[in-house]
PDB file of N, CA and C in Angstrom:
ATOM      1  N   MET A   1    -134.102 -14.814   5.802  1.00  0.00           N
ATOM      2  CA  MET A   1    -132.801 -14.514   6.157  1.00  0.00           C
ATOM      3  C   MET A   1    -132.276 -14.407   7.745  1.00  0.00           C
ATOM      4  N   LEU A   2    -133.555 -13.028   8.741  1.00  0.00           N
ATOM      5  CA  LEU A   2    -132.859 -13.041   9.856  1.00  0.00           C
ATOM      6  C   LEU A   2    -133.181 -14.125  10.694  1.00  0.00           C
ATOM      7  N   ASP A   3    -133.786 -15.285  10.422  1.00  0.00           N
ATOM      8  CA  ASP A   3    -133.694 -16.042  11.045  1.00  0.00           C
ATOM      9  C   ASP A   3    -132.218 -17.111  11.481  1.00  0.00           C
ATOM     10  N   TYR A   4    -131.704 -17.077   9.953  1.00  0.00           N
ATOM     11  CA  TYR A   4    -130.495 -17.911   9.545  1.00  0.00           C
ATOM     12  C   TYR A   4    -129.625 -16.908  10.670  1.00  0.00           C
ATOM     13  N   LEU A   5    -129.442 -15.811  10.292  1.00  0.00           N
ATOM     14  CA  LEU A   5    -128.592 -15.064  10.922  1.00  0.00           C
ATOM     15  C   LEU A   5    -129.183 -14.943  12.449  1.00  0.00           C
ATOM     16  N   GLN A   6    -129.833 -15.343  13.430  1.00  0.00           N
ATOM     17  CA  GLN A   6    -129.896 -15.466  14.382  1.00  0.00           C
ATOM     18  C   GLN A   6    -129.463 -16.806  14.991  1.00  0.00           C
ATOM     19  N   LYS A   7    -129.980 -18.168  13.752  1.00  0.00           N
ATOM     20  CA  LYS A   7    -129.470 -19.517  14.549  1.00  0.00           C
ATOM     21  C   LYS A   7    -127.766 -19.230  14.601  1.00  0.00           C
ATOM     22  N   ALA A   8    -127.311 -18.638  13.305  1.00  0.00           N
ATOM     23  CA  ALA A   8    -125.765 -18.583  13.005  1.00  0.00           C
ATOM     24  C   ALA A   8    -125.045 -18.034  14.110  1.00  0.00           C
ATOM     25  N   LYS A   9    -125.877 -16.843  15.087  1.00  0.00           N
ATOM     26  CA  LYS A   9    -125.092 -15.903  16.039  1.00  0.00           C
ATOM     27  C   LYS A   9    -124.865 -17.093  16.825  1.00  0.00           C
ATOM     28  N   GLN A  10    -126.255 -18.042  17.268  1.00  0.00           N
ATOM     29  CA  GLN A  10    -126.216 -18.222  18.808  1.00  0.00           C
ATOM     30  C   GLN A  10    -125.453 -19.255  18.510  1.00  0.00           C
ATOM     31  N   TYR A  11    -125.317 -19.814  17.600  1.00  0.00           N
ATOM     32  CA  TYR A  11    -124.065 -21.242  17.237  1.00  0.00           C
ATOM     33  C   TYR A  11    -123.303 -20.663  17.620  1.00  0.00           C
ATOM     34  N   LEU A  12    -122.291 -19.315  17.055  1.00  0.00           N
ATOM     35  CA  LEU A  12    -121.187 -19.334  16.782  1.00  0.00           C
ATOM     36  C   LEU A  12    -121.135 -18.418  18.693  1.00  0.00           C
ATOM     37  N   TRP A  13    -122.254 -17.979  18.899  1.00  0.00           N
ATOM     38  CA  TRP A  13    -121.744 -17.732  20.901  1.00  0.00           C
ATOM     39  C   TRP A  13    -121.529 -18.593  21.735  1.00  0.00           C
ATOM     40  N   ILE A  14    -122.694 -20.249  21.688  1.00  0.00           N
ATOM     41  CA  ILE A  14    -122.089 -21.069  21.946  1.00  0.00           C
ATOM     42  C   ILE A  14    -120.616 -21.933  21.160  1.00  0.00           C
ATOM     43  N   PHE A  15    -120.062 -21.723  20.772  1.00  0.00           N
ATOM     44  CA  PHE A  15    -118.420 -22.627  19.866  1.00  0.00           C
ATOM     45  C   PHE A  15    -117.886 -21.380  21.186  1.00  0.00           C
ATOM     46  N   VAL A  16    -118.123 -20.224  21.525  1.00  0.00           N
ATOM     47  CA  VAL A  16    -117.345 -19.410  21.872  1.00  0.00           C
ATOM     48  C   VAL A  16    -117.278 -19.551  23.375  1.00  0.00           C
ATOM     49  N   GLU A  17    -118.444 -19.973  24.191  1.00  0.00           N
ATOM     50  CA  GLU A  17    -118.759 -20.152  25.174  1.00  0.00           C
ATOM     51  C   GLU A  17    -117.844 -21.629  25.483  1.00  0.00           C
ATOM     52  N   ILE A  18    -117.894 -22.523  24.658  1.00  0.00           N
ATOM     53  CA  ILE A  18    -117.328 -23.952  25.033  1.00  0.00           C
ATOM     54  C   ILE A  18    -116.115 -23.833  24.711  1.00  0.00           C
ATOM     55  N   GLY A  19    -115.315 -22.801  24.036  1.00  0.00           N
ATOM     56  CA  GLY A  19    -113.624 -23.038  23.588  1.00  0.00           C
ATOM     57  C   GLY A  19    -113.694 -22.144  25.333  1.00  0.00           C
ATOM     58  N   PHE A  20    -114.173 -20.962  25.618  1.00  0.00           N
ATOM     59  CA  PHE A  20    -113.702 -20.473  26.606  1.00  0.00           C
ATOM     60  C   PHE A  20    -113.534 -21.461  28.206  1.00  0.00           C
ATOM     61  N   LEU A  21    -115.109 -22.534  28.295  1.00  0.00           N
ATOM     62  CA  LEU A  21    -114.757 -23.196  29.274  1.00  0.00           C
ATOM     63  C   LEU A  21    -113.658 -24.474  29.005  1.00  0.00           C
ATOM     64  N   THR A  22    -113.643 -24.780  28.212  1.00  0.00           N
ATOM     65  CA  THR A  22    -111.840 -25.495  28.085  1.00  0.00           C
ATOM     66  C   THR A  22    -110.497 -24.720  28.371  1.00  0.00           C
ATOM     67  N   VAL A  23    -110.795 -23.179  28.417  1.00  0.00           N
ATOM     68  CA  VAL A  23    -109.538 -23.041  28.582  1.00  0.00           C
ATOM     69  C   VAL A  23    -109.696 -22.913  29.900  1.00  0.00           C
ATOM     70  N   ILE A  24    -110.523 -22.432  30.485  1.00  0.00           N
ATOM     71  CA  ILE A  24    -110.783 -22.552  32.217  1.00  0.00           C
ATOM     72  C   ILE A  24    -110.597 -24.021  32.623  1.00  0.00           C
ATOM     73  N   SER A  25    -111.018 -24.883  31.995  1.00  0.00           N
ATOM     74  CA  SER A  25    -110.641 -26.392  32.956  1.00  0.00           C
ATOM     75  C   SER A  25    -109.325 -26.806  32.528  1.00  0.00           C
ATOM     76  N   VAL A  26    -108.706 -26.426  31.719  1.00  0.00           N
ATOM     77  CA  VAL A  26    -107.317 -26.513  30.975  1.00  0.00           C
ATOM     78  C   VAL A  26    -106.598 -26.065  32.180  1.00  0.00           C
ATOM     79  N   ILE A  27    -106.751 -24.833  32.617  1.00  0.00           N
ATOM     80  CA  ILE A  27    -106.259 -24.025  33.314  1.00  0.00           C
ATOM     81  C   ILE A  27    -106.427 -24.497  34.930  1.00  0.00           C
ATOM     82  N   LEU A  28    -107.637 -24.465  34.935  1.00  0.00           N
ATOM     83  CA  LEU A  28    -108.073 -25.735  36.474  1.00  0.00           C
ATOM     84  C   LEU A  28    -106.938 -26.524  36.876  1.00  0.00           C
ATOM     85  N   ILE A  29    -106.851 -27.618  35.774  1.00  0.00           N
ATOM     86  CA  ILE A  29    -106.650 -28.507  35.604  1.00  0.00           C
ATOM     87  C   ILE A  29    -104.548 -28.521  35.723  1.00  0.00           C
ATOM     88  N   TYR A  30    -104.405 -27.353  35.245  1.00  0.00           N
ATOM     89  CA  TYR A  30    -102.702 -27.107  35.817  1.00  0.00           C
ATOM     90  C   TYR A  30    -102.077 -26.526  36.901  1.00  0.00           C
ATOM     91  N   LEU A  31    -103.611 -25.973  37.510  1.00  0.00           N
ATOM     92  CA  LEU A  31    -103.524 -25.533  38.320  1.00  0.00           C
ATOM     93  C   LEU A  31    -103.680 -26.548  39.977  1.00  0.00           C
ATOM     94  N   ILE A  32    -104.088 -27.705  39.784  1.00  0.00           N
ATOM     95  CA  ILE A  32    -104.450 -28.750  40.722  1.00  0.00           C
ATOM     96  C   ILE A  32    -103.651 -30.001  40.246  1.00  0.00           C
ATOM     97  N   LEU A  33    -103.067 -30.068  38.732  1.00  0.00           N
ATOM     98  CA  LEU A  33    -102.267 -31.227  39.560  1.00  0.00           C
ATOM     99  C   LEU A  33    -100.254 -30.636  39.593  1.00  0.00           C
ATOM    100  N   GLY A  34    -100.245 -28.636  39.028  1.00  0.00           N
ATOM    101  CA  GLY A  34     -98.792 -28.163  39.350  1.00  0.00           C
ATOM    102  C   GLY A  34     -98.338 -28.713  37.342  1.00  0.00           C
ATOM    103  N   PRO A  35     -97.350 -27.496  37.365  1.00  0.00           N
ATOM    104  CA  PRO A  35     -96.445 -28.048  35.847  1.00  0.00           C
ATOM    105  C   PRO A  35     -95.849 -29.005  35.627  1.00  0.00           C
ATOM    106  N   ASP A  36     -95.554 -30.352  36.403  1.00  0.00           N
ATOM    107  CA  ASP A  36     -94.391 -31.131  36.409  1.00  0.00           C
ATOM    108  C   ASP A  36     -95.609 -32.032  36.064  1.00  0.00           C
ATOM    109  N   SER A  37     -96.885 -32.328  36.458  1.00  0.00           N
ATOM    110  CA  SER A  37     -97.816 -33.850  36.155  1.00  0.00           C
ATOM    111  C   SER A  37     -98.893 -33.315  35.253  1.00  0.00           C
ATOM    112  N   SER A  38     -99.207 -32.377  34.993  1.00  0.00           N
ATOM    113  CA  SER A  38     -99.850 -31.744  34.041  1.00  0.00           C
ATOM    114  C   SER A  38    -100.292 -32.356  32.651  1.00  0.00           C
ATOM    115  N   GLY A  39     -98.986 -32.435  31.850  1.00  0.00           N
ATOM    116  CA  GLY A  39     -98.632 -32.958  30.759  1.00  0.00           C
ATOM    117  C   GLY A  39     -98.291 -31.965  29.762  1.00  0.00           C
ATOM    118  N   VAL A  40     -97.855 -32.252  28.363  1.00  0.00           N
ATOM    119  CA  VAL A  40     -97.633 -31.392  27.854  1.00  0.00           C
ATOM    120  C   VAL A  40     -98.191 -30.544  27.169  1.00  0.00           C
ATOM    121  N   PHE A  41    -100.029 -30.860  26.430  1.00  0.00           N
ATOM    122  CA  PHE A  41    -100.649 -29.990  26.623  1.00  0.00           C
ATOM    123  C   PHE A  41    -101.219 -28.996  27.440  1.00  0.00           C
ATOM    124  N   VAL A  42    -101.338 -29.321  28.640  1.00  0.00           N
ATOM    125  CA  VAL A  42    -102.302 -28.379  29.189  1.00  0.00           C
ATOM    126  C   VAL A  42    -100.837 -27.422  30.050  1.00  0.00           C
ATOM    127  N   SER A  43     -99.687 -27.804  29.794  1.00  0.00           N
ATOM    128  CA  SER A  43     -98.571 -27.247  30.510  1.00  0.00           C
ATOM    129  C   SER A  43     -98.563 -26.001  28.882  1.00  0.00           C
ATOM    130  N   GLY A  44     -98.241 -26.201  27.698  1.00  0.00           N
ATOM    131  CA  GLY A  44     -98.525 -25.699  27.104  1.00  0.00           C
ATOM    132  C   GLY A  44     -99.523 -24.439  26.896  1.00  0.00           C
ATOM    133  N   VAL A  45    -100.809 -24.551  27.194  1.00  0.00           N
ATOM    134  CA  VAL A  45    -102.470 -24.288  27.243  1.00  0.00           C
ATOM    135  C   VAL A  45    -101.979 -22.956  28.451  1.00  0.00           C
ATOM    136  N   ALA A  46    -101.377 -23.825  29.254  1.00  0.00           N
ATOM    137  CA  ALA A  46    -100.859 -22.753  30.187  1.00  0.00           C
ATOM    138  C   ALA A  46    -100.672 -21.534  30.395  1.00  0.00           C
ATOM    139  N   ASP A  47     -99.364 -21.515  30.000  1.00  0.00           N
ATOM    140  CA  ASP A  47     -97.863 -20.810  29.615  1.00  0.00           C
ATOM    141  C   ASP A  47     -98.384 -20.078  28.373  1.00  0.00           C
ATOM    142  N   ASN A  48     -99.320 -20.637  27.388  1.00  0.00           N
ATOM    143  CA  ASN A  48    -100.027 -19.418  26.193  1.00  0.00           C
ATOM    144  C   ASN A  48    -100.650 -18.418  27.024  1.00  0.00           C
ATOM    145  N   VAL A  49    -101.557 -18.790  28.089  1.00  0.00           N
ATOM    146  CA  VAL A  49    -102.475 -17.850  28.692  1.00  0.00           C
ATOM    147  C   VAL A  49    -101.756 -17.064  29.908  1.00  0.00           C
ATOM    148  N   LEU A  50    -100.711 -17.625  30.566  1.00  0.00           N
ATOM    149  CA  LEU A  50     -99.770 -16.706  30.996  1.00  0.00           C
ATOM    150  C   LEU A  50     -99.698 -15.853  30.546  1.00  0.00           C
ATOM    151  N   LYS A  51     -98.551 -15.982  29.002  1.00  0.00           N
ATOM    152  CA  LYS A  51     -98.044 -14.860  28.296  1.00  0.00           C
ATOM    153  C   LYS A  51     -98.815 -14.105  27.631  1.00  0.00           C
ATOM    154  N   PHE A  52     -99.837 -14.587  27.453  1.00  0.00           N
ATOM    155  CA  PHE A  52    -101.224 -13.257  26.941  1.00  0.00           C
ATOM    156  C   PHE A  52    -101.447 -12.627  28.124  1.00  0.00           C
ATOM    157  N   ALA A  53    -101.525 -12.816  28.960  1.00  0.00           N
ATOM    158  CA  ALA A  53    -101.904 -11.734  30.510  1.00  0.00           C
ATOM    159  C   ALA A  53    -100.525 -11.186  30.516  1.00  0.00           C
ATOM    160  N   ALA A  54     -99.778 -11.521  31.033  1.00  0.00           N
ATOM    161  CA  ALA A  54     -98.375 -10.585  31.001  1.00  0.00           C
ATOM    162  C   ALA A  54     -97.972  -9.313  29.905  1.00  0.00           C
ATOM    163  N   ALA A  55     -99.119  -9.710  28.646  1.00  0.00           N
ATOM    164  CA  ALA A  55     -98.524  -8.810  27.610  1.00  0.00           C
ATOM    165  C   ALA A  55     -99.241  -7.572  28.063  1.00  0.00           C
ATOM    166  N   ILE A  56    -100.897  -8.109  28.618  1.00  0.00           N
ATOM    167  CA  ILE A  56    -102.037  -6.821  28.792  1.00  0.00           C
ATOM    168  C   ILE A  56    -101.066  -5.974  29.939  1.00  0.00           C
ATOM    169  N   PRO A  57    -101.539  -4.482  29.357  1.00  0.00           N
ATOM    170  CA  PRO A  57    -100.815  -3.373  29.856  1.00  0.00           C
ATOM    171  C   PRO A  57    -102.029  -3.720  31.472  1.00  0.00           C
ATOM    172  N   ALA A  58    -101.831  -3.109  32.773  1.00  0.00           N
ATOM    173  CA  ALA A  58    -102.719  -2.931  33.754  1.00  0.00           C
ATOM    174  C   ALA A  58    -103.616  -1.638  33.467  1.00  0.00           C
ATOM    175  N   GLN A  59    -103.311  -0.778  33.222  1.00  0.00           N
ATOM    176  CA  GLN A  59    -104.679   0.169  32.456  1.00  0.00           C
ATOM    177  C   GLN A  59    -105.060  -0.827  31.753  1.00  0.00           C
ATOM    178  N   SER A  60    -105.301  -1.338  30.447  1.00  0.00           N
ATOM    179  CA  SER A  60    -106.080  -2.287  29.822  1.00  0.00           C
ATOM    180  C   SER A  60    -107.338  -2.703  31.127  1.00  0.00           C
ATOM    181  N   LEU A  61    -106.446  -3.447  31.651  1.00  0.00           N
ATOM    182  CA  LEU A  61    -107.356  -4.186  32.557  1.00  0.00           C
ATOM    183  C   LEU A  61    -108.012  -3.774  33.586  1.00  0.00           C
ATOM    184  N   VAL A  62    -107.440  -2.231  34.042  1.00  0.00           N
ATOM    185  CA  VAL A  62    -108.790  -1.783  34.906  1.00  0.00           C
ATOM    186  C   VAL A  62    -109.916  -0.841  34.055  1.00  0.00           C
ATOM    187  N   GLY A  63    -109.309  -0.489  32.477  1.00  0.00           N
ATOM    188  CA  GLY A  63    -110.729  -0.092  31.731  1.00  0.00           C
ATOM    189  C   GLY A  63    -111.062  -1.228  31.713  1.00  0.00           C
ATOM    190  N   LEU A  64    -110.939  -1.854  31.173  1.00  0.00           N
ATOM    191  CA  LEU A  64    -111.808  -3.589  30.721  1.00  0.00           C
ATOM    192  C   LEU A  64    -113.102  -3.448  31.937  1.00  0.00           C
ATOM    193  N   ALA A  65    -112.739  -3.754  32.936  1.00  0.00           N
ATOM    194  CA  ALA A  65    -113.056  -4.214  34.194  1.00  0.00           C
ATOM    195  C   ALA A  65    -113.895  -3.212  34.793  1.00  0.00           C
ATOM    196  N   LEU A  66    -113.731  -1.611  34.621  1.00  0.00           N
ATOM    197  CA  LEU A  66    -115.030  -0.401  34.452  1.00  0.00           C
ATOM    198  C   LEU A  66    -115.476  -0.654  33.636  1.00  0.00           C
ATOM    199  N   VAL A  67    -115.586  -0.938  32.464  1.00  0.00           N
ATOM    200  CA  VAL A  67    -116.677  -1.087  31.114  1.00  0.00           C
ATOM    201  C   VAL A  67    -117.349  -2.563  31.399  1.00  0.00           C
ATOM    202  N   LEU A  68    -117.280  -3.612  32.150  1.00  0.00           N
ATOM    203  CA  LEU A  68    -117.746  -4.901  31.647  1.00  0.00           C
ATOM    204  C   LEU A  68    -118.829  -4.208  33.312  1.00  0.00           C
ATOM    205  N   ALA A  69    -118.257  -3.197  34.708  1.00  0.00           N
ATOM    206  CA  ALA A  69    -119.048  -2.723  35.838  1.00  0.00           C
ATOM    207  C   ALA A  69    -119.922  -2.257  35.338  1.00  0.00           C
ATOM    208  N   LEU A  70    -119.700  -1.393  34.752  1.00  0.00           N
ATOM    209  CA  LEU A  70    -121.053  -0.197  33.778  1.00  0.00           C
ATOM    210  C   LEU A  70    -122.138  -1.097  32.778  1.00  0.00           C
ATOM    211  N   VAL A  71    -121.774  -2.334  31.878  1.00  0.00           N
ATOM    212  CA  VAL A  71    -122.315  -2.607  31.711  1.00  0.00           C
ATOM    213  C   VAL A  71    -123.799  -3.664  32.622  1.00  0.00           C
ATOM    214  N   VAL A  72    -122.730  -4.185  33.765  1.00  0.00           N
ATOM    215  CA  VAL A  72    -123.367  -5.004  34.417  1.00  0.00           C
ATOM    216  C   VAL A  72    -124.744  -4.285  35.349  1.00  0.00           C
ATOM    217  N   LEU A  73    -123.927  -3.017  35.478  1.00  0.00           N
ATOM    218  CA  LEU A  73    -125.176  -2.304  36.402  1.00  0.00           C
ATOM    219  C   LEU A  73    -126.139  -1.597  35.636  1.00  0.00           C
ATOM    220  N   LEU A  74    -125.634  -1.324  33.952  1.00  0.00           N
ATOM    221  CA  LEU A  74    -127.051  -0.952  33.305  1.00  0.00           C
ATOM    222  C   LEU A  74    -127.759  -1.995  32.700  1.00  0.00           C
ATOM    223  N   THR A  75    -127.303  -3.064  32.601  1.00  0.00           N
ATOM    224  CA  THR A  75    -128.244  -4.309  32.554  1.00  0.00           C
ATOM    225  C   THR A  75    -128.952  -4.545  33.739  1.00  0.00           C
ATOM    226  N   ASN A  76    -128.806  -4.381  35.046  1.00  0.00           N
ATOM    227  CA  ASN A  76    -129.282  -4.754  36.320  1.00  0.00           C
ATOM    228  C   ASN A  76    -130.616  -3.708  36.243  1.00  0.00           C
ATOM    229  N   ARG A  77    -130.499  -2.158  35.908  1.00  0.00           N
ATOM    230  CA  ARG A  77    -131.423  -1.239  35.790  1.00  0.00           C
ATOM    231  C   ARG A  77    -131.855  -1.034  35.224  1.00  0.00           C
ATOM    232  N   MET A  78    -131.894  -1.949  33.462  1.00  0.00           N
ATOM    233  CA  MET A  78    -132.970  -1.900  32.768  1.00  0.00           C
ATOM    234  C   MET A  78    -133.770  -3.651  32.931  1.00  0.00           C
ATOM    235  N   ARG A  79    -133.826  -4.388  33.899  1.00  0.00           N
ATOM    236  CA  ARG A  79    -134.473  -5.080  34.580  1.00  0.00           C
ATOM    237  C   ARG A  79    -135.633  -4.998  35.046  1.00  0.00           C
TER     238      ARG A  79
END
């Protein structure tokens, strides 16, 4: 049973990574081609990402950056 859960966790993590890389690739296409010639889908995704980023308060971003830095430092010390 634990092997099944481990495999499911692995597949879900791969799915999340693919989704993240897709969004990053679409944003890169948007930045390279510009808003006029990037297409409807790319412009829609870029608009949604920009709206999401604008809705996040600055304090939350600072807190998230601090937690991420702490995790990286602790991970490097454990090695």
